[in-house]
Amino acid sequence: MKWWVRAFNFKITDHKVRENGDLFYWCESENGIPIYISGPRKDQFLPKGDSGVKQGIEHFGVDVEDLDDELERLKKLGATLLEGPVSGSDGVKACWIGCPDDVRVELIQFAKK
């Protein structure tokens, strides 16, 4: 959790081990969006993470002001560049990074208006 707090400035508002045995965190993003993160239940044995392209929930995206600066900052925290950066004709720039537990995250810089 420490990495996610440092990398995306999540604020942990509460955490506990729930009845089913999973460690559950209630978090909030910088702009007030609730984020919930849980671990495996006591009876679950999950496979290793996979930050590659796959079926199902493949990744989530995070808006950034400056993609290049944010990418360098996150790499210093241990993220790895998986793909990109790419630029679209609409001025959007994006890249995909690998984060702890092999989670895939897209960094998106929208065009300035």
N, C-alpha and C. Protein backbone atom coordinates (compact mmCIF):
# COMPACT_ATOMS: atom_id res chain seq x y z
N MET A 1 0.81 -1.20 0.00
CA MET A 1 0.00 0.00 0.00
C MET A 1 0.85 1.26 0.00
N LYS A 2 2.00 1.19 0.65
CA LYS A 2 2.84 2.39 0.73
C LYS A 2 3.19 2.90 -0.67
N TRP A 3 3.45 1.99 -1.60
CA TRP A 3 3.81 2.41 -2.95
C TRP A 3 2.67 3.18 -3.59
N TRP A 4 1.44 2.70 -3.48
CA TRP A 4 0.28 3.34 -4.09
C TRP A 4 0.03 4.71 -3.47
N VAL A 5 0.22 4.82 -2.18
CA VAL A 5 0.07 6.12 -1.51
C VAL A 5 1.10 7.11 -2.04
N ARG A 6 2.36 6.68 -2.13
CA ARG A 6 3.43 7.56 -2.63
C ARG A 6 3.26 7.87 -4.11
N ALA A 7 2.91 6.86 -4.90
CA ALA A 7 2.86 7.03 -6.36
C ALA A 7 1.68 7.88 -6.80
N PHE A 8 0.50 7.68 -6.22
CA PHE A 8 -0.71 8.35 -6.69
C PHE A 8 -1.37 9.23 -5.64
N ASN A 9 -0.66 9.44 -4.52
CA ASN A 9 -1.13 10.32 -3.46
C ASN A 9 -2.50 9.90 -2.93
N PHE A 10 -2.74 8.58 -2.88
CA PHE A 10 -3.97 8.09 -2.27
C PHE A 10 -3.90 8.37 -0.77
N LYS A 11 -5.03 8.73 -0.18
CA LYS A 11 -5.13 8.91 1.26
C LYS A 11 -5.87 7.68 1.80
N ILE A 12 -5.26 6.96 2.73
CA ILE A 12 -5.93 5.81 3.35
C ILE A 12 -6.83 6.36 4.44
N THR A 13 -8.13 6.09 4.31
CA THR A 13 -9.09 6.59 5.29
C THR A 13 -9.44 5.54 6.34
N ASP A 14 -9.25 4.26 6.02
CA ASP A 14 -9.51 3.19 6.98
C ASP A 14 -8.96 1.89 6.41
N HIS A 15 -8.74 0.92 7.26
CA HIS A 15 -8.37 -0.43 6.82
C HIS A 15 -8.68 -1.42 7.94
N LYS A 16 -8.96 -2.65 7.54
CA LYS A 16 -9.20 -3.71 8.53
C LYS A 16 -9.16 -5.06 7.83
N VAL A 17 -9.00 -6.09 8.61
CA VAL A 17 -9.16 -7.46 8.12
C VAL A 17 -10.64 -7.79 8.29
N ARG A 18 -11.30 -8.08 7.18
CA ARG A 18 -12.75 -8.35 7.23
C ARG A 18 -13.00 -9.81 7.62
N GLU A 19 -14.28 -10.14 7.85
CA GLU A 19 -14.66 -11.49 8.29
C GLU A 19 -14.17 -12.59 7.36
N ASN A 20 -14.11 -12.31 6.06
CA ASN A 20 -13.67 -13.34 5.11
C ASN A 20 -12.15 -13.47 5.05
N GLY A 21 -11.45 -12.65 5.84
CA GLY A 21 -10.00 -12.77 5.96
C GLY A 21 -9.20 -11.85 5.07
N ASP A 22 -9.85 -11.07 4.20
CA ASP A 22 -9.08 -10.18 3.33
C ASP A 22 -8.75 -8.87 4.05
N LEU A 23 -7.58 -8.34 3.75
CA LEU A 23 -7.18 -7.02 4.24
C LEU A 23 -7.76 -6.00 3.28
N PHE A 24 -8.60 -5.11 3.78
CA PHE A 24 -9.36 -4.18 2.95
C PHE A 24 -8.99 -2.76 3.32
N TYR A 25 -8.67 -1.94 2.30
CA TYR A 25 -8.31 -0.53 2.49
C TYR A 25 -9.36 0.36 1.85
N TRP A 26 -9.79 1.36 2.58
CA TRP A 26 -10.62 2.44 2.04
C TRP A 26 -9.67 3.60 1.78
N CYS A 27 -9.64 4.07 0.54
CA CYS A 27 -8.74 5.16 0.17
C CYS A 27 -9.53 6.24 -0.56
N GLU A 28 -8.85 7.36 -0.78
CA GLU A 28 -9.44 8.46 -1.52
C GLU A 28 -8.36 9.06 -2.41
N SER A 29 -8.73 9.35 -3.67
CA SER A 29 -7.78 9.98 -4.59
C SER A 29 -7.69 11.47 -4.26
N GLU A 30 -6.73 12.14 -4.90
CA GLU A 30 -6.55 13.57 -4.67
C GLU A 30 -7.81 14.38 -4.95
N ASN A 31 -8.62 13.93 -5.91
CA ASN A 31 -9.83 14.68 -6.25
C ASN A 31 -11.09 14.09 -5.59
N GLY A 32 -10.89 13.28 -4.54
CA GLY A 32 -12.01 12.82 -3.73
C GLY A 32 -12.71 11.56 -4.19
N ILE A 33 -12.19 10.88 -5.20
CA ILE A 33 -12.82 9.65 -5.68
C ILE A 33 -12.44 8.49 -4.75
N PRO A 34 -13.45 7.75 -4.26
CA PRO A 34 -13.14 6.61 -3.40
C PRO A 34 -12.43 5.50 -4.18
N ILE A 35 -11.43 4.92 -3.57
CA ILE A 35 -10.66 3.81 -4.14
C ILE A 35 -10.66 2.71 -3.08
N TYR A 36 -11.01 1.49 -3.48
CA TYR A 36 -11.04 0.37 -2.54
C TYR A 36 -10.05 -0.68 -3.02
N ILE A 37 -9.20 -1.12 -2.11
CA ILE A 37 -8.18 -2.11 -2.45
C ILE A 37 -8.28 -3.24 -1.44
N SER A 38 -8.36 -4.47 -1.94
CA SER A 38 -8.44 -5.61 -1.02
C SER A 38 -7.45 -6.68 -1.44
N GLY A 39 -7.07 -7.46 -0.46
CA GLY A 39 -6.19 -8.60 -0.71
C GLY A 39 -7.02 -9.87 -0.84
N PRO A 40 -6.37 -11.01 -0.96
CA PRO A 40 -7.10 -12.27 -1.09
C PRO A 40 -7.81 -12.64 0.21
N ARG A 41 -8.90 -13.38 0.07
CA ARG A 41 -9.61 -13.91 1.23
C ARG A 41 -8.80 -15.04 1.84
N LYS A 42 -9.12 -15.41 3.06
CA LYS A 42 -8.33 -16.44 3.76
C LYS A 42 -8.36 -17.79 3.05
N ASP A 43 -9.40 -18.05 2.24
CA ASP A 43 -9.49 -19.33 1.54
C ASP A 43 -9.09 -19.24 0.07
N GLN A 44 -8.54 -18.12 -0.34
CA GLN A 44 -8.16 -17.93 -1.75
C GLN A 44 -6.65 -18.07 -1.92
N PHE A 45 -6.27 -18.66 -3.04
CA PHE A 45 -4.88 -18.74 -3.45
C PHE A 45 -4.83 -18.16 -4.85
N LEU A 46 -4.39 -16.92 -4.96
CA LEU A 46 -4.42 -16.21 -6.23
C LEU A 46 -3.13 -16.42 -7.01
N PRO A 47 -3.22 -16.50 -8.34
CA PRO A 47 -2.01 -16.60 -9.15
C PRO A 47 -1.24 -15.29 -9.10
N LYS A 48 0.01 -15.35 -9.51
CA LYS A 48 0.85 -14.16 -9.60
C LYS A 48 0.18 -13.16 -10.53
N GLY A 49 0.36 -11.88 -10.27
CA GLY A 49 -0.19 -10.83 -11.11
C GLY A 49 0.38 -10.88 -12.52
N ASP A 50 -0.25 -10.17 -13.45
CA ASP A 50 0.18 -10.14 -14.83
C ASP A 50 -0.13 -8.76 -15.41
N SER A 51 0.90 -7.95 -15.62
CA SER A 51 0.68 -6.60 -16.14
C SER A 51 0.61 -6.57 -17.66
N GLY A 52 0.58 -7.73 -18.29
CA GLY A 52 0.45 -7.79 -19.74
C GLY A 52 -0.98 -7.56 -20.20
N VAL A 53 -1.16 -7.43 -21.50
CA VAL A 53 -2.49 -7.27 -22.08
C VAL A 53 -3.24 -8.58 -21.93
N LYS A 54 -4.51 -8.50 -21.50
CA LYS A 54 -5.28 -9.72 -21.27
C LYS A 54 -6.76 -9.42 -21.31
N GLN A 55 -7.56 -10.45 -21.29
CA GLN A 55 -9.00 -10.32 -21.24
C GLN A 55 -9.43 -9.99 -19.81
N GLY A 56 -10.54 -9.30 -19.66
CA GLY A 56 -11.02 -8.92 -18.34
C GLY A 56 -10.55 -7.51 -18.01
N ILE A 57 -10.53 -7.16 -16.73
CA ILE A 57 -10.01 -5.84 -16.36
C ILE A 57 -8.51 -5.88 -16.56
N GLU A 58 -8.09 -5.18 -17.57
CA GLU A 58 -6.71 -5.27 -18.01
C GLU A 58 -5.84 -4.20 -17.36
N HIS A 59 -6.39 -3.01 -17.15
CA HIS A 59 -5.65 -1.95 -16.48
C HIS A 59 -6.61 -0.84 -16.09
N PHE A 60 -6.13 0.11 -15.32
CA PHE A 60 -6.89 1.33 -15.09
C PHE A 60 -6.00 2.51 -15.44
N GLY A 61 -6.63 3.65 -15.73
CA GLY A 61 -5.90 4.83 -16.17
C GLY A 61 -5.93 5.94 -15.13
N VAL A 62 -4.87 6.75 -15.16
CA VAL A 62 -4.74 7.89 -14.25
C VAL A 62 -4.38 9.11 -15.08
N ASP A 63 -5.15 10.21 -14.91
CA ASP A 63 -4.82 11.47 -15.59
C ASP A 63 -3.58 12.09 -14.95
N VAL A 64 -2.69 12.60 -15.78
CA VAL A 64 -1.50 13.30 -15.28
C VAL A 64 -1.35 14.62 -16.02
N GLU A 65 -0.73 15.59 -15.38
CA GLU A 65 -0.51 16.90 -16.00
C GLU A 65 0.62 16.84 -17.02
N ASP A 66 1.71 16.15 -16.68
CA ASP A 66 2.88 16.05 -17.56
C ASP A 66 3.33 14.60 -17.59
N LEU A 67 3.04 13.90 -18.67
CA LEU A 67 3.30 12.47 -18.75
C LEU A 67 4.78 12.15 -18.57
N ASP A 68 5.65 12.90 -19.20
CA ASP A 68 7.09 12.60 -19.12
C ASP A 68 7.61 12.74 -17.69
N ASP A 69 7.23 13.83 -17.02
CA ASP A 69 7.66 14.03 -15.63
C ASP A 69 7.11 12.95 -14.71
N GLU A 70 5.83 12.64 -14.89
CA GLU A 70 5.19 11.64 -14.03
C GLU A 70 5.78 10.26 -14.26
N LEU A 71 6.07 9.92 -15.51
CA LEU A 71 6.68 8.64 -15.82
C LEU A 71 8.04 8.52 -15.13
N GLU A 72 8.85 9.54 -15.21
CA GLU A 72 10.17 9.51 -14.57
C GLU A 72 10.05 9.39 -13.05
N ARG A 73 9.11 10.11 -12.47
CA ARG A 73 8.90 10.06 -11.01
C ARG A 73 8.49 8.64 -10.59
N LEU A 74 7.55 8.04 -11.32
CA LEU A 74 7.09 6.70 -10.97
C LEU A 74 8.16 5.64 -11.21
N LYS A 75 8.98 5.82 -12.23
CA LYS A 75 10.08 4.87 -12.45
C LYS A 75 11.06 4.90 -11.28
N LYS A 76 11.29 6.09 -10.71
CA LYS A 76 12.17 6.19 -9.54
C LYS A 76 11.57 5.48 -8.33
N LEU A 77 10.24 5.33 -8.31
CA LEU A 77 9.58 4.61 -7.23
C LEU A 77 9.50 3.10 -7.51
N GLY A 78 9.96 2.67 -8.68
CA GLY A 78 9.99 1.25 -9.00
C GLY A 78 9.07 0.79 -10.11
N ALA A 79 8.29 1.69 -10.72
CA ALA A 79 7.44 1.31 -11.85
C ALA A 79 8.33 1.02 -13.06
N THR A 80 7.83 0.18 -13.96
CA THR A 80 8.56 -0.10 -15.19
C THR A 80 7.70 0.31 -16.39
N LEU A 81 8.33 0.84 -17.41
CA LEU A 81 7.62 1.22 -18.63
C LEU A 81 7.32 -0.05 -19.42
N LEU A 82 6.04 -0.27 -19.72
CA LEU A 82 5.62 -1.45 -20.47
C LEU A 82 5.38 -1.13 -21.94
N GLU A 83 4.84 0.06 -22.21
CA GLU A 83 4.47 0.42 -23.58
C GLU A 83 4.35 1.94 -23.69
N GLY A 84 4.79 2.47 -24.84
CA GLY A 84 4.66 3.90 -25.11
C GLY A 84 5.90 4.64 -24.67
N PRO A 85 5.78 5.94 -24.54
CA PRO A 85 4.60 6.77 -24.74
C PRO A 85 4.16 6.85 -26.21
N VAL A 86 2.85 7.03 -26.37
CA VAL A 86 2.26 7.22 -27.69
C VAL A 86 1.49 8.53 -27.68
N SER A 87 1.37 9.14 -28.86
CA SER A 87 0.63 10.39 -29.00
C SER A 87 -0.45 10.23 -30.04
N GLY A 88 -1.64 10.74 -29.75
CA GLY A 88 -2.74 10.70 -30.70
C GLY A 88 -2.87 12.02 -31.43
N SER A 89 -3.58 12.00 -32.53
CA SER A 89 -3.78 13.22 -33.31
C SER A 89 -4.58 14.27 -32.54
N ASP A 90 -5.28 13.84 -31.48
CA ASP A 90 -6.06 14.77 -30.66
C ASP A 90 -5.24 15.41 -29.55
N GLY A 91 -3.92 15.15 -29.53
CA GLY A 91 -3.04 15.75 -28.53
C GLY A 91 -2.91 14.94 -27.25
N VAL A 92 -3.59 13.81 -27.17
CA VAL A 92 -3.50 12.97 -25.98
C VAL A 92 -2.21 12.15 -26.05
N LYS A 93 -1.50 12.08 -24.92
CA LYS A 93 -0.31 11.23 -24.79
C LYS A 93 -0.61 10.17 -23.74
N ALA A 94 -0.09 8.96 -23.95
CA ALA A 94 -0.34 7.90 -22.98
C ALA A 94 0.83 6.92 -22.96
N CYS A 95 0.98 6.24 -21.84
CA CYS A 95 1.91 5.12 -21.72
C CYS A 95 1.35 4.17 -20.68
N TRP A 96 1.90 2.97 -20.64
CA TRP A 96 1.47 1.95 -19.70
C TRP A 96 2.65 1.52 -18.88
N ILE A 97 2.43 1.43 -17.57
CA ILE A 97 3.51 1.06 -16.66
C ILE A 97 3.13 -0.18 -15.86
N GLY A 98 4.16 -0.91 -15.43
CA GLY A 98 3.98 -2.03 -14.52
C GLY A 98 4.27 -1.55 -13.12
N CYS A 99 3.37 -1.85 -12.19
CA CYS A 99 3.47 -1.40 -10.81
C CYS A 99 3.63 -2.61 -9.90
N PRO A 100 3.80 -2.40 -8.59
CA PRO A 100 3.93 -3.53 -7.68
C PRO A 100 2.79 -4.54 -7.85
N ASP A 101 3.10 -5.78 -7.57
CA ASP A 101 2.17 -6.90 -7.73
C ASP A 101 1.79 -7.10 -9.19
N ASP A 102 2.60 -6.55 -10.10
CA ASP A 102 2.43 -6.71 -11.54
C ASP A 102 1.09 -6.17 -12.03
N VAL A 103 0.70 -5.00 -11.52
CA VAL A 103 -0.53 -4.31 -11.93
C VAL A 103 -0.19 -3.37 -13.09
N ARG A 104 -1.03 -3.35 -14.11
CA ARG A 104 -0.85 -2.50 -15.29
C ARG A 104 -1.65 -1.21 -15.12
N VAL A 105 -0.99 -0.05 -15.28
CA VAL A 105 -1.62 1.26 -15.13
C VAL A 105 -1.29 2.10 -16.35
N GLU A 106 -2.30 2.81 -16.86
CA GLU A 106 -2.09 3.73 -17.98
C GLU A 106 -2.00 5.15 -17.44
N LEU A 107 -0.97 5.87 -17.86
CA LEU A 107 -0.85 7.29 -17.55
C LEU A 107 -1.33 8.05 -18.78
N ILE A 108 -2.25 9.01 -18.57
CA ILE A 108 -2.86 9.72 -19.69
C ILE A 108 -2.72 11.22 -19.49
N GLN A 109 -2.13 11.88 -20.48
CA GLN A 109 -2.04 13.34 -20.47
C GLN A 109 -2.96 13.86 -21.57
N PHE A 110 -4.06 14.47 -21.17
CA PHE A 110 -5.00 15.02 -22.14
C PHE A 110 -4.47 16.34 -22.67
N ALA A 111 -4.89 16.68 -23.88
CA ALA A 111 -4.46 17.93 -24.51
C ALA A 111 -4.94 19.12 -23.69
N LYS A 112 -4.10 20.14 -23.59
CA LYS A 112 -4.49 21.36 -22.89
C LYS A 112 -5.56 22.07 -23.69
N LYS A 113 -6.55 22.61 -22.99
CA LYS A 113 -7.64 23.31 -23.67
C LYS A 113 -7.35 24.78 -23.78
